[in-house]
Amino acid sequence: MAFLPADILERLRRAHGHGRLPHALLLTGTPGSGRRRLAWDIAGMVNAIPAAEAESHPDVRKLEPESKSRRILVEPFQEFCGFFFSTSFKQGAVKTGIIFDADRLHLNAANAFLKTLEEPPANTLFILVTANPGLLPATILSRCAHFPVRAVETTEADAACTAIAEATGEVLAAPRGRAAGAALRLARRLQSALRDARETIETEMAADFKAEKKRLGDSAEEAWLKDEEARLKASVEARALAVRQQLVTAVSERTADVLRCRHGIRQLRFPALEAETQRLAGSLDDTALLRVLDGATLLRVLLDRNVKEDIALEAGCLALAKP
């Protein structure tokens, strides 16, 4: 589940106040989600300075791809990392290192970073920012507190999630024993939304690759081209899986919204659908809703297994409609 930047910042502020701030954070999200701005807000918060001053503060450092290969190479990483073993500018400061596009860490840089994460210097905080967490080594991911970031403003992904939530409402509204048709329509909507999302992602990534290749011109090395094409393919898969997770989560969140309404909780994931959600809350009991949530869990399990996506979606959605 993704969180708004302000909610993440408040949660980290409380953890910092109680001395429980993790030494490494992973901020993920799609372009426009606000994850980059949030990184600076966190750096400002832990050092008790305005976020606008964080970038120029002597106890804050940033690192991002700058080489023509658009990778974070080991030499600049070692220079970046060495700072954290030196004396702080201000006593009691939290030396903060922000790594933008962390998925572009070269293998040697990633290995060097892993050693630092295993034995981090005192009073340090590393913030990794990426749209493609699946491209980071699992050993680094396991040592970071992960915070998926959701944009404040409505995005295409939010609109798709709302459409899936509406289709889920149709399954909930159908009489028990006759909901299979609505469930199959939900599966079709999920399949269509995922195809559209993948096509958009592939188009965006191909355009970025083409622009970077044009910028480098004749200086683009063959090895870089092969490496970038492989990274592009992996990035498309990682982003497509992230979208799928969002859409599938919308199924369980819509059902949970009905449960929330039944128990007087007004903070809904889909406030635009509140009127219909309240109507469903009046016609369904907790047992029926929990049964649908069990079906949503099965849907996620099937997708996580090595099952063809379309088949997993149909089987999982039909599980929502079981009487």
Protein backbone atom coordinates (compact mmCIF):
# COMPACT_ATOMS: atom_id res chain seq x y z
CA MET A 1 0.00 0.00 0.00
CA ALA A 2 1.37 3.44 -0.96
CA PHE A 3 1.26 6.44 1.39
CA LEU A 4 1.05 10.17 0.89
CA PRO A 5 4.38 12.00 1.38
CA ALA A 6 3.02 13.98 4.34
CA ASP A 7 1.96 10.76 6.10
CA ILE A 8 5.40 9.20 5.60
CA LEU A 9 7.14 12.32 6.86
CA GLU A 10 4.97 12.43 9.99
CA ARG A 11 5.59 8.76 10.70
CA LEU A 12 9.35 9.26 10.39
CA ARG A 13 9.17 12.39 12.54
CA ARG A 14 7.62 10.37 15.36
CA ALA A 15 10.20 7.60 14.95
CA HIS A 16 13.02 10.16 15.02
CA GLY A 17 11.59 11.75 18.16
CA HIS A 18 11.63 8.37 19.91
CA GLY A 19 15.12 7.46 18.67
CA ARG A 20 13.83 4.71 16.38
CA LEU A 21 14.65 6.12 12.97
CA PRO A 22 15.93 3.42 10.57
CA HIS A 23 19.44 3.96 9.25
CA ALA A 24 18.32 3.37 5.64
CA LEU A 25 15.08 4.30 3.88
CA LEU A 26 13.80 3.26 0.45
CA LEU A 27 11.37 5.70 -1.19
CA THR A 28 9.64 4.27 -4.25
CA GLY A 29 6.89 5.52 -6.52
CA THR A 30 6.03 6.50 -10.04
CA PRO A 31 7.24 9.78 -11.60
CA GLY A 32 5.29 12.65 -10.06
CA SER A 33 4.61 10.84 -6.80
CA GLY A 34 6.73 13.31 -4.83
CA ARG A 35 9.38 10.85 -3.68
CA ARG A 36 12.27 13.19 -4.61
CA ARG A 37 10.79 16.14 -2.71
CA LEU A 38 10.07 13.85 0.23
CA ALA A 39 13.76 12.85 0.42
CA TRP A 40 14.74 16.49 0.92
CA ASP A 41 11.92 16.98 3.45
CA ILE A 42 13.25 14.05 5.48
CA ALA A 43 16.82 15.38 5.33
CA GLY A 44 15.55 18.72 6.62
CA MET A 45 13.44 17.15 9.34
CA VAL A 46 16.20 14.99 10.88
CA ASN A 47 18.59 17.97 10.91
CA ALA A 48 16.02 20.49 12.18
CA ILE A 49 16.40 22.76 9.16
CA PRO A 50 13.96 23.90 6.46
CA ALA A 51 13.80 21.44 3.57
CA ALA A 52 14.82 24.23 1.20
CA GLU A 53 18.18 24.46 3.00
CA ALA A 54 18.88 20.72 3.05
CA GLU A 55 20.55 20.58 -0.37
CA SER A 56 23.22 23.09 0.67
CA HIS A 57 23.63 21.88 4.26
CA PRO A 58 27.16 20.59 5.08
CA ASP A 59 25.79 17.42 6.73
CA VAL A 60 23.71 16.41 3.72
CA ARG A 61 25.03 14.84 0.53
CA LYS A 62 23.34 13.60 -2.64
CA LEU A 63 24.42 11.17 -5.32
CA GLU A 64 22.83 10.46 -8.70
CA PRO A 65 23.92 9.15 -12.10
CA GLU A 66 26.26 11.55 -13.88
CA SER A 67 28.47 9.42 -16.12
CA LYS A 68 27.64 9.02 -19.79
CA SER A 69 26.55 5.48 -18.99
CA ARG A 70 23.91 6.90 -16.62
CA ARG A 71 25.19 4.56 -13.93
CA ILE A 72 26.43 5.37 -10.42
CA LEU A 73 29.99 4.12 -10.64
CA VAL A 74 32.11 2.89 -7.76
CA GLU A 75 34.57 5.84 -7.69
CA PRO A 76 31.99 8.60 -7.12
CA PHE A 77 30.15 6.32 -4.72
CA GLN A 78 33.27 5.78 -2.61
CA GLU A 79 33.83 9.54 -2.51
CA PHE A 80 30.20 10.04 -1.49
CA CYS A 81 30.34 7.32 1.16
CA GLY A 82 33.63 8.46 2.69
CA PHE A 83 31.95 11.62 3.92
CA PHE A 84 29.86 9.63 6.40
CA PHE A 85 32.95 8.40 8.24
CA SER A 86 34.20 11.96 8.84
CA THR A 87 33.28 14.39 11.61
CA SER A 88 29.89 16.09 11.42
CA PHE A 89 29.71 19.81 10.82
CA LYS A 90 27.31 20.18 13.74
CA GLN A 91 27.27 18.16 16.95
CA GLY A 92 24.24 15.90 17.13
CA ALA A 93 23.53 16.16 13.40
CA VAL A 94 22.23 13.23 11.40
CA LYS A 95 24.52 12.96 8.42
CA THR A 96 22.18 12.27 5.54
CA GLY A 97 22.98 10.76 2.17
CA ILE A 98 20.39 10.75 -0.61
CA ILE A 99 20.87 8.45 -3.60
CA PHE A 100 18.56 9.34 -6.47
CA ASP A 101 17.87 6.69 -9.15
CA ALA A 102 19.39 4.15 -6.77
CA ASP A 103 18.53 1.32 -9.16
CA ARG A 104 21.37 2.60 -11.38
CA LEU A 105 24.06 1.68 -8.85
CA HIS A 106 26.82 -0.21 -10.64
CA LEU A 107 27.35 -3.72 -9.24
CA ASN A 108 30.65 -2.73 -7.62
CA ALA A 109 29.06 0.39 -6.09
CA ALA A 110 26.13 -1.70 -4.82
CA ASN A 111 28.52 -4.17 -3.19
CA ALA A 112 30.42 -1.33 -1.53
CA PHE A 113 27.15 0.17 -0.31
CA LEU A 114 26.06 -3.16 1.15
CA LYS A 115 29.15 -3.21 3.36
CA THR A 116 28.28 0.28 4.62
CA LEU A 117 24.68 -0.75 5.35
CA GLU A 118 25.87 -3.80 7.27
CA GLU A 119 27.92 -1.59 9.62
CA PRO A 120 26.54 1.96 9.23
CA PRO A 121 28.39 4.86 10.88
CA ALA A 122 26.71 6.38 13.92
CA ASN A 123 24.17 9.18 13.40
CA THR A 124 23.76 8.56 9.70
CA LEU A 125 20.75 8.16 7.46
CA PHE A 126 20.74 6.89 3.88
CA ILE A 127 17.74 7.59 1.66
CA LEU A 128 17.45 5.59 -1.55
CA VAL A 129 15.02 6.96 -4.14
CA THR A 130 13.89 4.94 -7.15
CA ALA A 131 10.96 4.13 -9.40
CA ASN A 132 12.34 0.62 -9.93
CA PRO A 133 13.07 -1.10 -6.61
CA GLY A 134 13.04 -4.49 -8.33
CA LEU A 135 16.37 -3.60 -9.96
CA LEU A 136 18.14 -3.22 -6.61
CA PRO A 137 19.91 -6.23 -5.07
CA ALA A 138 17.75 -8.08 -2.56
CA THR A 139 20.53 -7.75 0.03
CA ILE A 140 20.18 -3.94 -0.11
CA LEU A 141 16.38 -4.01 -0.14
CA SER A 142 16.33 -6.14 3.00
CA ARG A 143 18.34 -3.54 4.91
CA CYS A 144 16.05 -0.60 4.09
CA ALA A 145 12.71 0.47 5.53
CA HIS A 146 10.51 0.63 2.43
CA PHE A 147 8.00 3.47 1.95
CA PRO A 148 5.99 3.41 -1.30
CA VAL A 149 4.94 6.99 -2.10
CA ARG A 150 1.55 7.94 -3.54
CA ALA A 151 1.00 11.27 -5.30
CA VAL A 152 -1.37 13.77 -3.74
CA GLU A 153 -2.95 14.67 -7.06
CA THR A 154 -5.05 12.24 -9.11
CA THR A 155 -3.00 10.31 -11.65
CA GLU A 156 -3.84 7.89 -14.43
CA ALA A 157 -3.05 5.06 -12.03
CA ASP A 158 -5.52 6.50 -9.49
CA ALA A 159 -8.20 6.68 -12.20
CA ALA A 160 -7.54 3.05 -13.15
CA CYS A 161 -7.71 2.01 -9.48
CA THR A 162 -11.04 3.81 -9.12
CA ALA A 163 -12.39 1.99 -12.18
CA ILE A 164 -11.33 -1.33 -10.66
CA ALA A 165 -12.91 -0.31 -7.35
CA GLU A 166 -16.19 0.40 -9.17
CA ALA A 167 -16.08 -3.02 -10.85
CA THR A 168 -15.39 -4.61 -7.46
CA GLY A 169 -18.52 -2.86 -6.17
CA GLU A 170 -20.51 -4.57 -8.92
CA VAL A 171 -19.27 -7.95 -7.68
CA LEU A 172 -20.22 -7.04 -4.11
CA ALA A 173 -23.67 -5.83 -5.21
CA ALA A 174 -24.49 -8.98 -7.18
CA PRO A 175 -26.65 -11.60 -5.42
CA ARG A 176 -24.62 -14.42 -3.90
CA GLY A 177 -24.48 -17.35 -6.30
CA ARG A 178 -25.01 -15.08 -9.32
CA ALA A 179 -21.93 -12.89 -9.06
CA ALA A 180 -19.74 -14.87 -11.50
CA GLY A 181 -20.63 -12.60 -14.43
CA ALA A 182 -19.63 -9.48 -12.50
CA ALA A 183 -16.44 -11.22 -11.39
CA LEU A 184 -15.48 -12.07 -14.96
CA ARG A 185 -16.17 -8.45 -16.01
CA LEU A 186 -13.82 -7.35 -13.22
CA ALA A 187 -11.16 -9.73 -14.56
CA ARG A 188 -11.58 -8.24 -18.05
CA ARG A 189 -11.18 -4.72 -16.69
CA LEU A 190 -8.02 -5.73 -14.84
CA GLN A 191 -6.60 -7.35 -17.96
CA SER A 192 -7.39 -4.29 -20.08
CA ALA A 193 -5.97 -1.85 -17.51
CA LEU A 194 -2.76 -3.87 -17.23
CA ARG A 195 -2.32 -4.01 -21.01
CA ASP A 196 -2.83 -0.24 -21.26
CA ALA A 197 -0.38 0.40 -18.42
CA ARG A 198 2.30 -1.83 -19.93
CA GLU A 199 1.93 -0.14 -23.31
CA THR A 200 2.29 3.30 -21.70
CA ILE A 201 5.33 2.22 -19.69
CA GLU A 202 7.03 0.68 -22.74
CA THR A 203 6.39 3.85 -24.76
CA GLU A 204 7.77 6.11 -22.02
CA MET A 205 10.86 3.99 -21.41
CA ALA A 206 11.60 3.64 -25.13
CA ALA A 207 11.33 7.42 -25.55
CA ASP A 208 13.75 7.99 -22.64
CA PHE A 209 16.21 5.50 -24.12
CA LYS A 210 15.96 7.09 -27.56
CA ALA A 211 16.54 10.59 -26.13
CA GLU A 212 19.56 9.47 -24.11
CA LYS A 213 21.01 7.62 -27.11
CA LYS A 214 20.56 10.73 -29.24
CA ARG A 215 22.21 12.91 -26.58
CA LEU A 216 25.26 10.65 -26.40
CA GLY A 217 25.50 10.33 -30.19
CA ASP A 218 28.63 8.59 -31.44
CA SER A 219 30.05 8.48 -27.90
CA ALA A 220 27.52 5.80 -26.92
CA GLU A 221 29.46 2.58 -26.41
CA GLU A 222 28.13 -0.77 -27.60
CA ALA A 223 28.45 -2.20 -24.11
CA TRP A 224 26.40 0.69 -22.73
CA LEU A 225 23.69 0.14 -25.34
CA LYS A 226 23.36 -3.54 -24.45
CA ASP A 227 23.39 -2.80 -20.74
CA GLU A 228 20.79 -0.05 -21.12
CA GLU A 229 18.51 -2.22 -23.25
CA ALA A 230 18.64 -4.93 -20.58
CA ARG A 231 17.96 -2.34 -17.88
CA LEU A 232 15.07 -0.98 -19.94
CA LYS A 233 13.45 -4.40 -20.21
CA ALA A 234 13.85 -5.06 -16.48
CA SER A 235 12.52 -1.61 -15.64
CA VAL A 236 9.41 -2.14 -17.77
CA GLU A 237 8.73 -5.42 -15.95
CA ALA A 238 9.29 -3.84 -12.53
CA ARG A 239 6.97 -0.92 -13.25
CA ALA A 240 4.31 -3.16 -14.78
CA LEU A 241 4.36 -5.37 -11.68
CA ALA A 242 4.04 -2.27 -9.47
CA VAL A 243 0.95 -1.17 -11.42
CA ARG A 244 -0.52 -4.66 -11.16
CA GLN A 245 -0.03 -4.59 -7.41
CA GLN A 246 -1.82 -1.22 -7.21
CA LEU A 247 -4.78 -2.44 -9.24
CA VAL A 248 -5.14 -5.72 -7.37
CA THR A 249 -4.88 -3.86 -4.06
CA ALA A 250 -7.82 -1.69 -5.21
CA VAL A 251 -10.02 -4.81 -5.09
CA SER A 252 -9.32 -5.49 -1.41
CA GLU A 253 -9.31 -1.77 -0.51
CA ARG A 254 -12.81 -1.27 -1.97
CA THR A 255 -14.06 -4.24 0.03
CA ALA A 256 -12.31 -2.88 3.11
CA ASP A 257 -14.03 0.48 2.52
CA VAL A 258 -17.40 -1.26 2.87
CA LEU A 259 -16.24 -2.83 6.14
CA ARG A 260 -15.04 0.56 7.34
CA CYS A 261 -18.45 2.08 6.62
CA ARG A 262 -20.19 -0.74 8.49
CA HIS A 263 -18.16 0.11 11.59
CA GLY A 264 -18.46 3.89 11.37
CA ILE A 265 -15.00 4.63 9.98
CA ARG A 266 -15.24 7.48 7.46
CA GLN A 267 -11.65 7.55 6.18
CA LEU A 268 -12.12 5.73 2.89
CA ARG A 269 -9.59 4.79 0.22
CA PHE A 270 -12.15 5.69 -2.47
CA PRO A 271 -14.10 8.68 -1.11
CA ALA A 272 -15.61 9.41 -4.55
CA LEU A 273 -17.53 6.12 -4.26
CA GLU A 274 -18.78 6.79 -0.72
CA ALA A 275 -22.52 6.82 -1.55
CA GLU A 276 -22.41 3.40 -3.19
CA THR A 277 -20.08 2.10 -0.49
CA GLN A 278 -22.57 3.12 2.20
CA ARG A 279 -25.37 1.36 0.31
CA LEU A 280 -23.29 -1.82 0.12
CA ALA A 281 -22.47 -1.53 3.83
CA GLY A 282 -26.18 -1.64 4.57
CA SER A 283 -26.83 -4.75 2.48
CA LEU A 284 -23.78 -6.92 3.30
CA ASP A 285 -22.64 -8.42 6.58
CA ASP A 286 -19.09 -8.81 7.89
CA THR A 287 -19.00 -12.53 7.07
CA ALA A 288 -19.73 -11.92 3.38
CA LEU A 289 -17.16 -9.12 3.18
CA LEU A 290 -14.46 -11.18 4.88
CA ARG A 291 -15.17 -13.99 2.40
CA VAL A 292 -14.56 -11.55 -0.47
CA LEU A 293 -11.32 -10.41 1.18
CA ASP A 294 -10.24 -14.04 1.30
CA GLY A 295 -10.87 -14.18 -2.45
CA ALA A 296 -8.76 -11.03 -2.93
CA THR A 297 -5.94 -12.72 -1.04
CA LEU A 298 -6.18 -15.74 -3.34
CA LEU A 299 -6.04 -13.39 -6.33
CA ARG A 300 -2.72 -11.98 -5.09
CA VAL A 301 -1.37 -15.46 -4.35
CA LEU A 302 -2.19 -16.72 -7.85
CA LEU A 303 -0.50 -13.71 -9.44
CA ASP A 304 2.61 -14.22 -7.33
CA ARG A 305 2.91 -17.80 -8.58
CA ASN A 306 4.15 -18.87 -11.98
CA VAL A 307 0.63 -18.85 -13.46
CA LYS A 308 -0.30 -17.15 -16.72
CA GLU A 309 -1.53 -13.68 -15.77
CA ASP A 310 -4.90 -13.80 -17.60
CA ILE A 311 -5.74 -17.18 -16.07
CA ALA A 312 -4.71 -16.04 -12.59
CA LEU A 313 -6.90 -12.94 -12.91
CA GLU A 314 -9.95 -14.93 -14.00
CA ALA A 315 -9.53 -17.58 -11.31
CA GLY A 316 -8.81 -15.01 -8.62
CA CYS A 317 -11.78 -12.81 -9.52
CA LEU A 318 -14.12 -15.80 -9.62
CA ALA A 319 -12.96 -16.58 -6.07
CA LEU A 320 -14.47 -13.24 -5.03
CA ALA A 321 -17.88 -14.45 -6.14
CA LYS A 322 -17.96 -17.75 -4.26
CA PRO A 323 -21.18 -18.04 -2.21
